[in-house]
Protein backbone atom coordinates (compact mmCIF):
# COMPACT_ATOMS: atom_id res chain seq x y z
CA MET A 1 92.64 13.78 24.81
CA THR A 2 92.51 17.47 23.88
CA GLY A 3 90.77 18.64 27.04
CA PRO A 4 88.43 17.69 29.86
CA ASP A 5 85.24 18.56 27.97
CA VAL A 6 82.58 15.87 27.91
CA THR A 7 79.79 15.93 25.36
CA PRO A 8 76.19 15.52 26.62
CA PRO A 9 74.61 12.08 26.37
CA PRO A 10 73.24 11.46 22.86
CA LYS A 11 70.51 9.13 24.06
CA ARG A 12 68.30 8.75 27.11
CA LEU A 13 69.82 7.21 30.18
CA HIS A 14 68.18 3.89 31.05
CA ILE A 15 67.73 3.07 34.73
CA LEU A 16 64.39 1.29 35.27
CA ASP A 17 62.32 -0.85 32.93
CA ASN A 18 58.62 -0.17 32.35
CA GLU A 19 57.45 -2.54 35.08
CA GLU A 20 59.74 -0.96 37.64
CA ILE A 21 58.60 2.53 36.66
CA GLU A 22 54.97 1.43 36.99
CA ALA A 23 55.66 -0.05 40.42
CA LEU A 24 57.20 3.23 41.52
CA TYR A 25 54.81 5.70 39.88
CA GLY A 26 51.66 3.81 38.92
CA ARG A 27 48.34 4.33 40.69
CA PRO A 28 47.84 1.64 43.35
CA CYS A 29 45.75 -1.41 42.51
CA PHE A 30 44.38 -2.63 45.83
CA THR A 31 43.46 -6.11 46.98
CA VAL A 32 40.52 -6.55 49.35
CA ASP A 33 42.86 -6.41 52.34
CA ASP A 34 44.67 -3.38 50.93
CA ARG A 35 41.41 -1.46 50.67
CA THR A 36 40.50 -2.29 54.23
CA ASN A 37 43.84 -1.01 55.47
CA VAL A 38 44.35 2.17 53.46
CA PHE A 39 40.72 3.30 53.65
CA THR A 40 40.46 2.82 57.41
CA LEU A 41 40.57 6.35 58.78
CA THR A 42 42.31 7.75 61.80
CA GLN A 43 40.52 10.44 63.78
CA PRO A 44 42.47 13.30 62.12
CA GLU A 45 41.55 11.80 58.74
CA LYS A 46 37.88 11.56 59.77
CA ASP A 47 37.95 15.19 60.86
CA LEU A 48 39.43 16.21 57.53
CA LEU A 49 36.80 14.20 55.66
CA ALA A 50 34.05 15.96 57.59
CA SER A 51 35.42 19.35 56.50
CA PHE A 52 34.30 18.62 52.93
CA THR A 53 30.66 18.82 51.96
CA HIS A 54 28.76 16.73 49.38
CA ILE A 55 29.40 13.05 48.79
CA PRO A 56 31.30 13.33 45.46
CA ILE A 57 33.81 15.71 47.08
CA GLN A 58 34.19 13.46 50.13
CA LEU A 59 34.51 10.40 47.93
CA TYR A 60 37.24 11.95 45.83
CA PHE A 61 39.02 13.02 49.00
CA LEU A 62 38.94 9.44 50.31
CA LEU A 63 40.43 8.20 47.04
CA GLN A 64 43.20 10.79 47.02
CA LEU A 65 43.91 10.08 50.68
CA GLY A 66 44.10 6.31 50.19
CA TYR A 67 46.36 6.55 47.15
CA PHE A 68 48.64 9.00 48.94
CA LYS A 69 48.90 6.72 51.97
CA ALA A 70 49.93 3.89 49.64
CA LYS A 71 52.40 5.75 47.39
CA GLN A 72 53.05 9.19 48.93
CA MET A 73 52.04 10.70 45.60
CA PHE A 74 48.97 12.13 43.91
CA PHE A 75 47.31 10.80 40.78
CA THR A 76 44.98 12.14 38.13
CA PHE A 77 41.90 9.95 37.70
CA THR A 78 38.15 9.98 37.23
CA PHE A 79 35.59 8.00 39.20
CA ASP A 80 35.19 5.72 36.19
CA ASP A 81 38.90 4.90 36.31
CA VAL A 82 38.65 3.44 39.82
CA VAL A 83 35.23 1.79 39.93
CA GLU A 84 36.19 -0.95 42.41
CA ASP A 85 37.54 1.56 44.93
CA VAL A 86 34.51 3.81 44.46
CA THR A 87 32.13 0.91 45.04
CA TYR A 88 33.98 -0.12 48.20
CA LEU A 89 33.97 3.40 49.64
CA LEU A 90 30.28 3.99 48.87
CA GLU A 91 29.34 0.74 50.63
CA ARG A 92 31.59 1.42 53.61
CA TYR A 93 31.06 5.12 54.27
CA PHE A 94 27.78 6.01 52.56
CA PRO A 95 25.65 2.83 52.73
CA GLU A 96 22.34 4.59 53.40
CA THR A 97 22.82 7.38 50.89
CA PRO A 98 21.27 7.24 47.41
CA LEU A 99 23.95 6.93 44.74
CA PRO A 100 24.91 10.48 43.75
CA GLU A 101 25.85 11.68 40.30
CA LEU A 102 29.62 11.38 40.25
CA ARG A 103 31.21 14.11 38.19
CA ILE A 104 34.87 14.99 38.22
CA LEU A 105 35.73 17.75 40.65
CA ASN A 106 37.08 21.10 39.55
CA LYS A 107 40.83 21.57 39.68
CA ARG A 108 40.69 24.04 42.55
CA THR A 109 38.92 21.56 44.83
CA ILE A 110 41.30 18.74 43.89
CA LEU A 111 44.34 20.89 44.66
CA LYS A 112 42.81 22.04 47.93
CA GLN A 113 42.35 18.42 49.00
CA ARG A 114 45.93 17.61 48.06
CA GLN A 115 47.27 20.48 50.11
CA ARG A 116 45.26 19.39 53.15
CA ILE A 117 46.59 15.83 52.75
CA LEU A 118 50.16 17.10 52.52
CA GLU A 119 49.69 19.11 55.69
CA LEU A 120 48.14 16.13 57.46
CA PHE A 121 51.16 13.90 56.79
CA GLY A 122 53.85 16.57 56.96
CA TYR A 123 54.80 16.22 53.30
CA ARG A 124 55.41 18.88 50.69
CA LEU A 125 55.97 19.20 46.97
CA CYS A 126 59.47 19.73 45.62
CA THR A 127 60.47 23.36 45.17
CA PRO A 128 63.31 24.61 42.93
CA THR A 129 65.48 24.76 46.05
CA ASP A 130 64.63 21.14 46.85
CA ARG A 131 65.58 20.14 43.31
CA GLN A 132 68.94 21.84 43.71
CA ASP A 133 69.48 19.97 46.98
CA LEU A 134 68.53 16.74 45.21
CA PHE A 135 71.09 17.43 42.51
CA LEU A 136 73.79 17.98 45.13
CA ARG A 137 72.81 14.66 46.73
CA ALA A 138 73.00 13.00 43.30
CA GLN A 139 76.48 14.43 42.76
CA GLN A 140 77.60 13.07 46.13
CA ALA A 141 76.18 9.65 45.27
CA ALA A 142 77.88 9.69 41.85
CA ARG A 143 81.25 10.06 43.57
CA ILE A 144 80.58 6.87 45.51
CA SER A 145 79.19 4.78 42.64
CA SER A 146 78.87 5.36 38.91
CA LYS A 147 75.86 3.01 38.70
CA PRO A 148 72.72 5.00 37.80
CA ILE A 149 70.50 2.73 39.92
CA TYR A 150 72.60 3.52 43.01
CA VAL A 151 72.25 7.27 42.47
CA LEU A 152 68.49 6.90 41.89
CA ARG A 153 68.04 4.90 45.10
CA GLU A 154 69.93 7.53 47.05
CA LEU A 155 67.57 10.19 45.69
CA LEU A 156 64.49 8.15 46.58
CA HIS A 157 65.87 7.68 50.09
CA TYR A 158 66.46 11.43 50.35
CA LEU A 159 62.89 12.17 49.25
CA THR A 160 61.47 9.80 51.85
CA GLU A 161 63.77 11.09 54.57
CA HIS A 162 62.73 14.70 53.92
CA ARG A 163 59.05 13.85 53.32
CA LEU A 164 59.01 15.19 49.78
CA VAL A 165 56.62 14.04 47.05
CA LYS A 166 58.58 12.34 44.27
CA PRO A 167 59.06 14.50 41.17
CA GLY A 168 58.42 12.87 37.79
CA TYR A 169 60.59 9.97 36.70
CA THR A 170 61.98 11.85 33.69
CA LEU A 171 63.21 14.63 35.95
CA LEU A 172 64.91 12.14 38.27
CA GLN A 173 66.40 10.21 35.37
CA GLU A 174 67.57 13.00 33.11
CA GLU A 175 67.89 16.19 35.14
CA LEU A 176 69.30 14.65 38.31
CA VAL A 177 70.88 11.22 37.83
CA GLY A 178 72.06 11.74 34.25
CA LYS A 179 73.47 15.21 34.83
CA ALA A 180 75.12 14.18 38.09
CA LEU A 181 76.91 11.29 36.38
CA THR A 182 77.95 13.57 33.51
CA ALA A 183 79.28 16.11 36.00
CA GLU A 184 81.28 13.40 37.77
CA VAL A 185 82.90 12.24 34.53
CA LYS A 186 83.76 15.88 33.75
CA ARG A 187 85.27 16.27 37.22
CA LEU A 188 87.39 13.16 36.80
CA ALA A 189 88.39 14.19 33.29
CA THR A 190 89.58 17.56 34.62
CA MET A 191 91.69 15.78 37.23
CA LEU A 192 93.19 13.57 34.53
CA HIS A 193 93.97 16.54 32.32
CA THR A 194 96.22 17.93 35.04
CA LEU A 195 97.86 14.61 35.95
CA LEU A 196 98.55 12.85 32.65
CA SER A 197 101.13 13.56 30.00
CA SER A 198 100.13 14.15 26.40
CA GLU A 199 101.07 10.57 25.49
CA GLU A 200 98.98 9.18 28.34
CA CYS A 201 96.03 11.34 27.27
CA VAL A 202 96.21 9.87 23.78
CA ALA A 203 96.30 6.36 25.23
CA LEU A 204 93.27 7.11 27.38
CA ASP A 205 91.41 8.45 24.37
CA LEU A 206 91.99 5.15 22.60
CA GLU A 207 90.84 3.18 25.63
CA LEU A 208 87.64 5.22 25.92
CA HIS A 209 87.12 4.89 22.18
CA GLN A 210 87.09 1.10 22.62
CA ILE A 211 84.57 1.35 25.48
CA TRP A 212 82.19 3.22 23.19
CA GLY A 213 82.42 0.50 20.58
CA GLY A 214 84.30 2.44 17.96
CA LYS A 215 82.08 5.54 18.00
CA GLU A 216 83.63 8.77 16.82
CA GLU A 217 84.25 11.39 19.48
CA LYS A 218 84.68 15.12 19.39
CA ASN A 219 86.54 17.33 21.87
CA GLY A 220 87.68 14.60 24.21
CA ILE A 221 85.61 11.99 25.98
CA LEU A 222 82.44 10.75 24.37
CA PHE A 223 79.70 10.19 26.96
CA SER A 224 76.41 8.36 26.53
CA GLY A 225 73.86 6.63 28.72
CA GLY A 226 74.64 3.10 29.86
CA LYS A 227 78.45 3.40 29.87
CA HIS A 228 78.96 5.44 33.03
CA GLY A 229 80.50 2.59 35.01
CA GLN A 230 83.12 1.68 32.41
CA VAL A 231 84.13 5.27 31.78
CA SER A 232 84.33 6.22 35.45
CA THR A 233 86.25 3.05 36.32
CA CYS A 234 88.68 3.69 33.51
CA ILE A 235 89.23 7.30 34.59
CA HIS A 236 89.54 6.39 38.28
CA GLN A 237 92.21 3.81 37.43
CA ARG A 238 94.17 6.33 35.42
CA ILE A 239 93.95 8.95 38.21
CA GLN A 240 95.22 6.44 40.76
CA ALA A 241 98.09 5.43 38.49
CA ALA A 242 98.98 9.05 37.77
CA SER A 243 98.83 9.96 41.48
CA ARG A 244 101.19 7.10 42.34
CA SER A 245 103.66 8.29 39.75
CA ILE A 246 103.71 11.77 41.28
CA VAL A 247 104.30 10.60 44.85
């Protein structure tokens, strides 16, 4: 092993399958009971609804509110995309009103509604500072477990605990979990570089080479998505062995 450098992952890290991603990020699909629950308004929610004029604006607010209550996220949709929810809300809240022409709201109004909903529930969108804090949390989690799913769950828990709207899945997967795991392997590799002899470094290179299935490597450890556990376990074992030999 010529040094502690670790090359970036050559392919996308895989954590969740498509169904799991949809469950986490997809727009809610309500049952009859679900609609009754999420679209039943508290007094503060009724007051906020009354602050908007015109039925299309109020209707879109109710939809955004209900989806946020279900997923703590916002979604982009048209009235045609959510016909069943629209029909339910018109019958429940505007039964005596002639059916209005439902056109999509302008972006400014949609964002204004979202901000009012965030304020109502004490949530906020992630800022660059929040993302940095999330990365630090991911690094801490990576020191405990090299399993990507563990790090992801820790981040989701952090977001809930701090009442932050989830950033996109790709950002969580690549920019936070993936980079945190890469940083942890680099940290461990640096420790090994100071603990192992040249002969032991060569032996470790061969061991890592076998983990990667015979792939060629350049400048030390080859790193790619899906192998974090094996690599980290291998490095941890070597660090422990080297530490024992020093004591």
